[in-house]
Amino acid sequence: MTRKCELTGKLPLSGNNRSHAENKTRRKFRPNLCNVTLMSDVLGQSYRLRITAHALKTVEHRGGLDAFLAKARDEELSERCLKIKRDLAKARKSAQAAA
């Protein structure tokens, strides 16, 4: 399993550790991944996702998973999240047609 955020697409970065003696050794900057369960209001279903703490904060700020996915770019999302986004679009379209 890759260390990649399912919502934002953040990956590990590489860089150097720099000691007081200015020695350079390679290191990894890994994203702070959390296993969370997010609820979709439109679909009435919960989803287990592996996302960064920053993405979780953004989801809460935007008003939930549905609002986050509506604004998110497709190239950043994982395949699972793209499927959820398509299902949300279908559910909203059918709700508008019924109303």
PDB file of N, CA and C in Angstrom:
ATOM      1  N   MET A   1       0.838  -1.167   0.000  1.00  0.00           N
ATOM      2  CA  MET A   1       0.000   0.000   0.000  1.00  0.00           C
ATOM      3  C   MET A   1       0.893   1.244   0.000  1.00  0.00           C
ATOM      4  N   THR A   2       0.654   2.137  -0.941  1.00  0.00           N
ATOM      5  CA  THR A   2       1.482   3.331  -1.016  1.00  0.00           C
ATOM      6  C   THR A   2       1.118   4.309   0.088  1.00  0.00           C
ATOM      7  N   ARG A   3       2.090   5.104   0.463  1.00  0.00           N
ATOM      8  CA  ARG A   3       1.858   6.137   1.470  1.00  0.00           C
ATOM      9  C   ARG A   3       1.347   7.378   0.742  1.00  0.00           C
ATOM     10  N   LYS A   4       0.096   7.331   0.314  1.00  0.00           N
ATOM     11  CA  LYS A   4      -0.496   8.396  -0.479  1.00  0.00           C
ATOM     12  C   LYS A   4      -1.871   8.726   0.074  1.00  0.00           C
ATOM     13  N   CYS A   5      -2.171  10.014   0.166  1.00  0.00           N
ATOM     14  CA  CYS A   5      -3.480  10.455   0.625  1.00  0.00           C
ATOM     15  C   CYS A   5      -4.507  10.191  -0.475  1.00  0.00           C
ATOM     16  N   GLU A   6      -5.647   9.595  -0.112  1.00  0.00           N
ATOM     17  CA  GLU A   6      -6.663   9.267  -1.108  1.00  0.00           C
ATOM     18  C   GLU A   6      -7.422  10.494  -1.602  1.00  0.00           C
ATOM     19  N   LEU A   7      -7.440  11.570  -0.830  1.00  0.00           N
ATOM     20  CA  LEU A   7      -8.190  12.753  -1.229  1.00  0.00           C
ATOM     21  C   LEU A   7      -7.333  13.828  -1.885  1.00  0.00           C
ATOM     22  N   THR A   8      -6.124  14.044  -1.386  1.00  0.00           N
ATOM     23  CA  THR A   8      -5.296  15.125  -1.927  1.00  0.00           C
ATOM     24  C   THR A   8      -4.164  14.623  -2.803  1.00  0.00           C
ATOM     25  N   GLY A   9      -3.846  13.340  -2.745  1.00  0.00           N
ATOM     26  CA  GLY A   9      -2.781  12.788  -3.568  1.00  0.00           C
ATOM     27  C   GLY A   9      -1.381  13.081  -3.057  1.00  0.00           C
ATOM     28  N   LYS A  10      -1.250  13.534  -1.808  1.00  0.00           N
ATOM     29  CA  LYS A  10       0.079  13.834  -1.264  1.00  0.00           C
ATOM     30  C   LYS A  10       0.906  12.567  -1.142  1.00  0.00           C
ATOM     31  N   LEU A  11       2.178  12.667  -1.559  1.00  0.00           N
ATOM     32  CA  LEU A  11       3.122  11.556  -1.520  1.00  0.00           C
ATOM     33  C   LEU A  11       4.303  11.929  -0.632  1.00  0.00           C
ATOM     34  N   PRO A  12       5.138  10.938  -0.264  1.00  0.00           N
ATOM     35  CA  PRO A  12       6.354  11.274   0.489  1.00  0.00           C
ATOM     36  C   PRO A  12       7.312  12.123  -0.350  1.00  0.00           C
ATOM     37  N   LEU A  13       8.005  13.029   0.321  1.00  0.00           N
ATOM     38  CA  LEU A  13       9.037  13.841  -0.306  1.00  0.00           C
ATOM     39  C   LEU A  13      10.390  13.403   0.229  1.00  0.00           C
ATOM     40  N   SER A  14      11.448  13.700  -0.495  1.00  0.00           N
ATOM     41  CA  SER A  14      12.778  13.353  -0.012  1.00  0.00           C
ATOM     42  C   SER A  14      13.591  14.616   0.180  1.00  0.00           C
ATOM     43  N   GLY A  15      14.560  14.526   1.076  1.00  0.00           N
ATOM     44  CA  GLY A  15      15.401  15.675   1.369  1.00  0.00           C
ATOM     45  C   GLY A  15      16.628  15.227   2.124  1.00  0.00           C
ATOM     46  N   ASN A  16      17.264  16.163   2.803  1.00  0.00           N
ATOM     47  CA  ASN A  16      18.479  15.884   3.543  1.00  0.00           C
ATOM     48  C   ASN A  16      18.303  16.175   5.020  1.00  0.00           C
ATOM     49  N   ASN A  17      18.927  15.344   5.868  1.00  0.00           N
ATOM     50  CA  ASN A  17      19.167  15.695   7.258  1.00  0.00           C
ATOM     51  C   ASN A  17      20.457  16.502   7.268  1.00  0.00           C
ATOM     52  N   ARG A  18      20.456  17.615   7.959  1.00  0.00           N
ATOM     53  CA  ARG A  18      21.668  18.433   8.044  1.00  0.00           C
ATOM     54  C   ARG A  18      22.076  18.526   9.508  1.00  0.00           C
ATOM     55  N   SER A  19      23.231  17.993   9.817  1.00  0.00           N
ATOM     56  CA  SER A  19      23.732  18.035  11.187  1.00  0.00           C
ATOM     57  C   SER A  19      24.421  19.368  11.455  1.00  0.00           C
ATOM     58  N   HIS A  20      24.825  19.545  12.693  1.00  0.00           N
ATOM     59  CA  HIS A  20      25.548  20.762  13.064  1.00  0.00           C
ATOM     60  C   HIS A  20      26.873  20.863  12.289  1.00  0.00           C
ATOM     61  N   ALA A  21      27.438  19.706  11.962  1.00  0.00           N
ATOM     62  CA  ALA A  21      28.689  19.666  11.189  1.00  0.00           C
ATOM     63  C   ALA A  21      28.445  19.746   9.683  1.00  0.00           C
ATOM     64  N   GLU A  22      27.174  20.040   9.304  1.00  0.00           N
ATOM     65  CA  GLU A  22      26.776  20.179   7.900  1.00  0.00           C
ATOM     66  C   GLU A  22      26.892  18.878   7.109  1.00  0.00           C
ATOM     67  N   ASN A  23      26.796  17.723   7.786  1.00  0.00           N
ATOM     68  CA  ASN A  23      26.733  16.452   7.073  1.00  0.00           C
ATOM     69  C   ASN A  23      25.365  16.331   6.409  1.00  0.00           C
ATOM     70  N   LYS A  24      25.347  15.723   5.227  1.00  0.00           N
ATOM     71  CA  LYS A  24      24.102  15.568   4.489  1.00  0.00           C
ATOM     72  C   LYS A  24      23.784  14.078   4.368  1.00  0.00           C
ATOM     73  N   THR A  25      22.669  13.656   4.918  1.00  0.00           N
ATOM     74  CA  THR A  25      22.196  12.277   4.763  1.00  0.00           C
ATOM     75  C   THR A  25      20.757  12.327   4.271  1.00  0.00           C
ATOM     76  N   ARG A  26      20.426  11.437   3.353  1.00  0.00           N
ATOM     77  CA  ARG A  26      19.090  11.436   2.745  1.00  0.00           C
ATOM     78  C   ARG A  26      18.048  10.985   3.757  1.00  0.00           C
ATOM     79  N   ARG A  27      16.849  11.550   3.627  1.00  0.00           N
ATOM     80  CA  ARG A  27      15.730  11.180   4.488  1.00  0.00           C
ATOM     81  C   ARG A  27      14.428  11.347   3.724  1.00  0.00           C
ATOM     82  N   LYS A  28      13.335  10.858   4.316  1.00  0.00           N
ATOM     83  CA  LYS A  28      12.006  10.963   3.721  1.00  0.00           C
ATOM     84  C   LYS A  28      11.123  11.828   4.604  1.00  0.00           C
ATOM     85  N   PHE A  29      10.318  12.663   3.971  1.00  0.00           N
ATOM     86  CA  PHE A  29       9.272  13.414   4.658  1.00  0.00           C
ATOM     87  C   PHE A  29       7.955  12.728   4.296  1.00  0.00           C
ATOM     88  N   ARG A  30       7.429  11.947   5.226  1.00  0.00           N
ATOM     89  CA  ARG A  30       6.223  11.171   4.948  1.00  0.00           C
ATOM     90  C   ARG A  30       4.981  11.936   5.377  1.00  0.00           C
ATOM     91  N   PRO A  31       3.870  11.830   4.611  1.00  0.00           N
ATOM     92  CA  PRO A  31       2.637  12.513   5.001  1.00  0.00           C
ATOM     93  C   PRO A  31       2.034  11.869   6.254  1.00  0.00           C
ATOM     94  N   ASN A  32       1.354  12.675   7.043  1.00  0.00           N
ATOM     95  CA  ASN A  32       0.729  12.220   8.285  1.00  0.00           C
ATOM     96  C   ASN A  32      -0.603  11.551   7.952  1.00  0.00           C
ATOM     97  N   LEU A  33      -0.570  10.258   7.629  1.00  0.00           N
ATOM     98  CA  LEU A  33      -1.767   9.536   7.198  1.00  0.00           C
ATOM     99  C   LEU A  33      -2.560   9.010   8.385  1.00  0.00           C
ATOM    100  N   CYS A  34      -3.888   9.128   8.286  1.00  0.00           N
ATOM    101  CA  CYS A  34      -4.801   8.656   9.324  1.00  0.00           C
ATOM    102  C   CYS A  34      -5.867   7.793   8.660  1.00  0.00           C
ATOM    103  N   ASN A  35      -6.248   6.718   9.324  1.00  0.00           N
ATOM    104  CA  ASN A  35      -7.369   5.905   8.864  1.00  0.00           C
ATOM    105  C   ASN A  35      -8.638   6.466   9.491  1.00  0.00           C
ATOM    106  N   VAL A  36      -9.547   6.982   8.650  1.00  0.00           N
ATOM    107  CA  VAL A  36     -10.762   7.602   9.158  1.00  0.00           C
ATOM    108  C   VAL A  36     -11.978   7.037   8.434  1.00  0.00           C
ATOM    109  N   THR A  37     -13.132   7.187   9.054  1.00  0.00           N
ATOM    110  CA  THR A  37     -14.402   6.836   8.445  1.00  0.00           C
ATOM    111  C   THR A  37     -15.184   8.116   8.254  1.00  0.00           C
ATOM    112  N   LEU A  38     -15.506   8.431   7.007  1.00  0.00           N
ATOM    113  CA  LEU A  38     -16.249   9.645   6.687  1.00  0.00           C
ATOM    114  C   LEU A  38     -17.627   9.277   6.173  1.00  0.00           C
ATOM    115  N   MET A  39     -18.624  10.068   6.560  1.00  0.00           N
ATOM    116  CA  MET A  39     -20.012   9.806   6.205  1.00  0.00           C
ATOM    117  C   MET A  39     -20.433  10.702   5.045  1.00  0.00           C
ATOM    118  N   SER A  40     -21.098  10.106   4.073  1.00  0.00           N
ATOM    119  CA  SER A  40     -21.667  10.866   2.965  1.00  0.00           C
ATOM    120  C   SER A  40     -23.135  11.133   3.277  1.00  0.00           C
ATOM    121  N   ASP A  41     -23.520  12.418   3.308  1.00  0.00           N
ATOM    122  CA  ASP A  41     -24.901  12.771   3.635  1.00  0.00           C
ATOM    123  C   ASP A  41     -25.865  12.414   2.508  1.00  0.00           C
ATOM    124  N   VAL A  42     -25.455  12.630   1.270  1.00  0.00           N
ATOM    125  CA  VAL A  42     -26.323  12.384   0.124  1.00  0.00           C
ATOM    126  C   VAL A  42     -26.557  10.894  -0.073  1.00  0.00           C
ATOM    127  N   LEU A  43     -25.483  10.107   0.015  1.00  0.00           N
ATOM    128  CA  LEU A  43     -25.594   8.662  -0.211  1.00  0.00           C
ATOM    129  C   LEU A  43     -26.029   7.904   1.042  1.00  0.00           C
ATOM    130  N   GLY A  44     -25.858   8.512   2.208  1.00  0.00           N
ATOM    131  CA  GLY A  44     -26.228   7.841   3.459  1.00  0.00           C
ATOM    132  C   GLY A  44     -25.352   6.644   3.760  1.00  0.00           C
ATOM    133  N   GLN A  45     -24.092   6.742   3.424  1.00  0.00           N
ATOM    134  CA  GLN A  45     -23.166   5.631   3.572  1.00  0.00           C
ATOM    135  C   GLN A  45     -21.856   6.150   4.135  1.00  0.00           C
ATOM    136  N   SER A  46     -21.138   5.299   4.875  1.00  0.00           N
ATOM    137  CA  SER A  46     -19.844   5.705   5.406  1.00  0.00           C
ATOM    138  C   SER A  46     -18.731   5.010   4.623  1.00  0.00           C
ATOM    139  N   TYR A  47     -17.584   5.696   4.534  1.00  0.00           N
ATOM    140  CA  TYR A  47     -16.445   5.194   3.774  1.00  0.00           C
ATOM    141  C   TYR A  47     -15.197   5.268   4.633  1.00  0.00           C
ATOM    142  N   ARG A  48     -14.401   4.192   4.632  1.00  0.00           N
ATOM    143  CA  ARG A  48     -13.112   4.181   5.329  1.00  0.00           C
ATOM    144  C   ARG A  48     -12.050   4.638   4.345  1.00  0.00           C
ATOM    145  N   LEU A  49     -11.353   5.715   4.700  1.00  0.00           N
ATOM    146  CA  LEU A  49     -10.340   6.279   3.827  1.00  0.00           C
ATOM    147  C   LEU A  49      -9.039   6.460   4.591  1.00  0.00           C
ATOM    148  N   ARG A  50      -7.929   6.480   3.864  1.00  0.00           N
ATOM    149  CA  ARG A  50      -6.609   6.735   4.439  1.00  0.00           C
ATOM    150  C   ARG A  50      -6.167   8.092   3.914  1.00  0.00           C
ATOM    151  N   ILE A  51      -6.333   9.114   4.752  1.00  0.00           N
ATOM    152  CA  ILE A  51      -6.068  10.480   4.321  1.00  0.00           C
ATOM    153  C   ILE A  51      -5.127  11.170   5.299  1.00  0.00           C
ATOM    154  N   THR A  52      -4.560  12.290   4.870  1.00  0.00           N
ATOM    155  CA  THR A  52      -3.672  13.051   5.740  1.00  0.00           C
ATOM    156  C   THR A  52      -4.505  13.844   6.747  1.00  0.00           C
ATOM    157  N   ALA A  53      -3.848  14.241   7.832  1.00  0.00           N
ATOM    158  CA  ALA A  53      -4.510  15.061   8.848  1.00  0.00           C
ATOM    159  C   ALA A  53      -4.922  16.404   8.248  1.00  0.00           C
ATOM    160  N   HIS A  54      -4.120  16.936   7.336  1.00  0.00           N
ATOM    161  CA  HIS A  54      -4.443  18.196   6.662  1.00  0.00           C
ATOM    162  C   HIS A  54      -5.712  18.049   5.820  1.00  0.00           C
ATOM    163  N   ALA A  55      -5.860  16.923   5.121  1.00  0.00           N
ATOM    164  CA  ALA A  55      -7.050  16.687   4.303  1.00  0.00           C
ATOM    165  C   ALA A  55      -8.288  16.546   5.188  1.00  0.00           C
ATOM    166  N   LEU A  56      -8.139  15.897   6.337  1.00  0.00           N
ATOM    167  CA  LEU A  56      -9.262  15.746   7.263  1.00  0.00           C
ATOM    168  C   LEU A  56      -9.741  17.109   7.747  1.00  0.00           C
ATOM    169  N   LYS A  57      -8.788  17.993   8.044  1.00  0.00           N
ATOM    170  CA  LYS A  57      -9.120  19.346   8.472  1.00  0.00           C
ATOM    171  C   LYS A  57      -9.859  20.097   7.356  1.00  0.00           C
ATOM    172  N   THR A  58      -9.437  19.901   6.111  1.00  0.00           N
ATOM    173  CA  THR A  58     -10.064  20.552   4.974  1.00  0.00           C
ATOM    174  C   THR A  58     -11.471  20.016   4.732  1.00  0.00           C
ATOM    175  N   VAL A  59     -11.661  18.716   4.906  1.00  0.00           N
ATOM    176  CA  VAL A  59     -12.990  18.118   4.750  1.00  0.00           C
ATOM    177  C   VAL A  59     -13.953  18.734   5.755  1.00  0.00           C
ATOM    178  N   GLU A  60     -13.529  18.873   6.992  1.00  0.00           N
ATOM    179  CA  GLU A  60     -14.375  19.465   8.022  1.00  0.00           C
ATOM    180  C   GLU A  60     -14.658  20.935   7.724  1.00  0.00           C
ATOM    181  N   HIS A  61     -13.657  21.650   7.198  1.00  0.00           N
ATOM    182  CA  HIS A  61     -13.828  23.071   6.894  1.00  0.00           C
ATOM    183  C   HIS A  61     -14.830  23.281   5.765  1.00  0.00           C
ATOM    184  N   ARG A  62     -14.786  22.424   4.758  1.00  0.00           N
ATOM    185  CA  ARG A  62     -15.686  22.569   3.607  1.00  0.00           C
ATOM    186  C   ARG A  62     -17.091  22.076   3.881  1.00  0.00           C
ATOM    187  N   GLY A  63     -17.287  21.353   4.969  1.00  0.00           N
ATOM    188  CA  GLY A  63     -18.640  20.936   5.320  1.00  0.00           C
ATOM    189  C   GLY A  63     -18.948  19.481   5.060  1.00  0.00           C
ATOM    190  N   GLY A  64     -17.943  18.643   5.005  1.00  0.00           N
ATOM    191  CA  GLY A  64     -18.175  17.213   4.855  1.00  0.00           C
ATOM    192  C   GLY A  64     -17.575  16.639   3.591  1.00  0.00           C
ATOM    193  N   LEU A  65     -17.686  15.329   3.490  1.00  0.00           N
ATOM    194  CA  LEU A  65     -17.089  14.604   2.365  1.00  0.00           C
ATOM    195  C   LEU A  65     -17.725  15.008   1.041  1.00  0.00           C
ATOM    196  N   ASP A  66     -19.043  15.185   1.022  1.00  0.00           N
ATOM    197  CA  ASP A  66     -19.732  15.516  -0.225  1.00  0.00           C
ATOM    198  C   ASP A  66     -19.260  16.855  -0.788  1.00  0.00           C
ATOM    199  N   ALA A  67     -19.143  17.860   0.063  1.00  0.00           N
ATOM    200  CA  ALA A  67     -18.702  19.182  -0.387  1.00  0.00           C
ATOM    201  C   ALA A  67     -17.241  19.149  -0.825  1.00  0.00           C
ATOM    202  N   PHE A  68     -16.416  18.365  -0.121  1.00  0.00           N
ATOM    203  CA  PHE A  68     -15.004  18.262  -0.504  1.00  0.00           C
ATOM    204  C   PHE A  68     -14.871  17.643  -1.886  1.00  0.00           C
ATOM    205  N   LEU A  69     -15.580  16.541  -2.128  1.00  0.00           N
ATOM    206  CA  LEU A  69     -15.463  15.855  -3.410  1.00  0.00           C
ATOM    207  C   LEU A  69     -16.033  16.682  -4.550  1.00  0.00           C
ATOM    208  N   ALA A  70     -17.028  17.524  -4.275  1.00  0.00           N
ATOM    209  CA  ALA A  70     -17.601  18.370  -5.319  1.00  0.00           C
ATOM    210  C   ALA A  70     -16.563  19.366  -5.836  1.00  0.00           C
ATOM    211  N   LYS A  71     -15.678  19.862  -4.939  1.00  0.00           N
ATOM    212  CA  LYS A  71     -14.673  20.846  -5.329  1.00  0.00           C
ATOM    213  C   LYS A  71     -13.354  20.222  -5.764  1.00  0.00           C
ATOM    214  N   ALA A  72     -13.120  18.965  -5.435  1.00  0.00           N
ATOM    215  CA  ALA A  72     -11.814  18.333  -5.672  1.00  0.00           C
ATOM    216  C   ALA A  72     -11.581  18.075  -7.163  1.00  0.00           C
ATOM    217  N   ARG A  73     -10.304  18.182  -7.567  1.00  0.00           N
ATOM    218  CA  ARG A  73      -9.921  17.860  -8.943  1.00  0.00           C
ATOM    219  C   ARG A  73      -9.776  16.347  -9.077  1.00  0.00           C
ATOM    220  N   ASP A  74     -10.148  15.829 -10.236  1.00  0.00           N
ATOM    221  CA  ASP A  74     -10.156  14.385 -10.456  1.00  0.00           C
ATOM    222  C   ASP A  74      -8.760  13.778 -10.417  1.00  0.00           C
ATOM    223  N   GLU A  75      -7.741  14.506 -10.879  1.00  0.00           N
ATOM    224  CA  GLU A  75      -6.392  13.935 -10.937  1.00  0.00           C
ATOM    225  C   GLU A  75      -5.780  13.749  -9.551  1.00  0.00           C
ATOM    226  N   GLU A  76      -6.301  14.434  -8.531  1.00  0.00           N
ATOM    227  CA  GLU A  76      -5.786  14.274  -7.170  1.00  0.00           C
ATOM    228  C   GLU A  76      -6.407  13.081  -6.454  1.00  0.00           C
ATOM    229  N   LEU A  77      -7.616  12.700  -6.834  1.00  0.00           N
ATOM    230  CA  LEU A  77      -8.365  11.672  -6.117  1.00  0.00           C
ATOM    231  C   LEU A  77      -7.927  10.268  -6.509  1.00  0.00           C
ATOM    232  N   SER A  78      -8.079   9.331  -5.563  1.00  0.00           N
ATOM    233  CA  SER A  78      -7.811   7.924  -5.853  1.00  0.00           C
ATOM    234  C   SER A  78      -8.987   7.348  -6.641  1.00  0.00           C
ATOM    235  N   GLU A  79      -8.831   6.123  -7.122  1.00  0.00           N
ATOM    236  CA  GLU A  79      -9.898   5.477  -7.893  1.00  0.00           C
ATOM    237  C   GLU A  79     -11.163   5.298  -7.059  1.00  0.00           C
ATOM    238  N   ARG A  80     -10.978   4.920  -5.786  1.00  0.00           N
ATOM    239  CA  ARG A  80     -12.141   4.751  -4.887  1.00  0.00           C
ATOM    240  C   ARG A  80     -12.891   6.063  -4.717  1.00  0.00           C
ATOM    241  N   CYS A  81     -12.152   7.157  -4.529  1.00  0.00           N
ATOM    242  CA  CYS A  81     -12.782   8.465  -4.322  1.00  0.00           C
ATOM    243  C   CYS A  81     -13.446   8.967  -5.597  1.00  0.00           C
ATOM    244  N   LEU A  82     -12.879   8.658  -6.746  1.00  0.00           N
ATOM    245  CA  LEU A  82     -13.518   9.030  -8.011  1.00  0.00           C
ATOM    246  C   LEU A  82     -14.859   8.325  -8.171  1.00  0.00           C
ATOM    247  N   LYS A  83     -14.929   7.063  -7.757  1.00  0.00           N
ATOM    248  CA  LYS A  83     -16.191   6.326  -7.825  1.00  0.00           C
ATOM    249  C   LYS A  83     -17.221   6.938  -6.890  1.00  0.00           C
ATOM    250  N   ILE A  84     -16.799   7.333  -5.693  1.00  0.00           N
ATOM    251  CA  ILE A  84     -17.710   7.980  -4.746  1.00  0.00           C
ATOM    252  C   ILE A  84     -18.203   9.302  -5.334  1.00  0.00           C
ATOM    253  N   LYS A  85     -17.303  10.050  -5.981  1.00  0.00           N
ATOM    254  CA  LYS A  85     -17.680  11.330  -6.590  1.00  0.00           C
ATOM    255  C   LYS A  85     -18.699  11.134  -7.711  1.00  0.00           C
ATOM    256  N   ARG A  86     -18.511  10.104  -8.534  1.00  0.00           N
ATOM    257  CA  ARG A  86     -19.475   9.810  -9.601  1.00  0.00           C
ATOM    258  C   ARG A  86     -20.827   9.408  -9.026  1.00  0.00           C
ATOM    259  N   ASP A  87     -20.821   8.590  -7.967  1.00  0.00           N
ATOM    260  CA  ASP A  87     -22.073   8.183  -7.324  1.00  0.00           C
ATOM    261  C   ASP A  87     -22.803   9.381  -6.733  1.00  0.00           C
ATOM    262  N   LEU A  88     -22.050  10.325  -6.170  1.00  0.00           N
ATOM    263  CA  LEU A  88     -22.660  11.543  -5.624  1.00  0.00           C
ATOM    264  C   LEU A  88     -23.320  12.362  -6.731  1.00  0.00           C
ATOM    265  N   ALA A  89     -22.634  12.479  -7.869  1.00  0.00           N
ATOM    266  CA  ALA A  89     -23.193  13.243  -8.984  1.00  0.00           C
ATOM    267  C   ALA A  89     -24.482  12.601  -9.491  1.00  0.00           C
ATOM    268  N   LYS A  90     -24.506  11.271  -9.582  1.00  0.00           N
ATOM    269  CA  LYS A  90     -25.717  10.561 -10.018  1.00  0.00           C
ATOM    270  C   LYS A  90     -26.849  10.769  -9.033  1.00  0.00           C
ATOM    271  N   ALA A  91     -26.555  10.682  -7.739  1.00  0.00           N
ATOM    272  CA  ALA A  91     -27.591  10.837  -6.703  1.00  0.00           C
ATOM    273  C   ALA A  91     -28.156  12.251  -6.715  1.00  0.00           C
ATOM    274  N   ARG A  92     -27.285  13.252  -6.889  1.00  0.00           N
ATOM    275  CA  ARG A  92     -27.781  14.645  -6.940  1.00  0.00           C
ATOM    276  C   ARG A  92     -28.629  14.883  -8.187  1.00  0.00           C
ATOM    277  N   LYS A  93     -28.204  14.294  -9.302  1.00  0.00           N
ATOM    278  CA  LYS A  93     -28.947  14.467 -10.552  1.00  0.00           C
ATOM    279  C   LYS A  93     -30.343  13.845 -10.460  1.00  0.00           C
ATOM    280  N   SER A  94     -30.417  12.654  -9.869  1.00  0.00           N
ATOM    281  CA  SER A  94     -31.711  11.988  -9.726  1.00  0.00           C
ATOM    282  C   SER A  94     -32.596  12.713  -8.716  1.00  0.00           C
ATOM    283  N   ALA A  95     -32.002  13.318  -7.699  1.00  0.00           N
ATOM    284  CA  ALA A  95     -32.775  14.079  -6.716  1.00  0.00           C
ATOM    285  C   ALA A  95     -33.332  15.352  -7.343  1.00  0.00           C
ATOM    286  N   GLN A  96     -32.564  16.001  -8.226  1.00  0.00           N
ATOM    287  CA  GLN A  96     -33.043  17.186  -8.908  1.00  0.00           C
ATOM    288  C   GLN A  96     -34.144  16.851  -9.904  1.00  0.00           C
ATOM    289  N   ALA A  97     -34.034  15.693 -10.563  1.00  0.00           N
ATOM    290  CA  ALA A  97     -35.049  15.272 -11.521  1.00  0.00           C
ATOM    291  C   ALA A  97     -36.357  14.942 -10.799  1.00  0.00           C
ATOM    292  N   ALA A  98     -36.263  14.390  -9.609  1.00  0.00           N
ATOM    293  CA  ALA A  98     -37.464  14.040  -8.840  1.00  0.00           C
ATOM    294  C   ALA A  98     -38.163  15.285  -8.292  1.00  0.00           C
ATOM    295  N   ALA A  99     -37.394  16.323  -8.039  1.00  0.00           N
ATOM    296  CA  ALA A  99     -37.981  17.545  -7.440  1.00  0.00           C
ATOM    297  C   ALA A  99     -38.592  18.467  -8.467  1.00  0.00           C
TER     298      ALA A  99
END
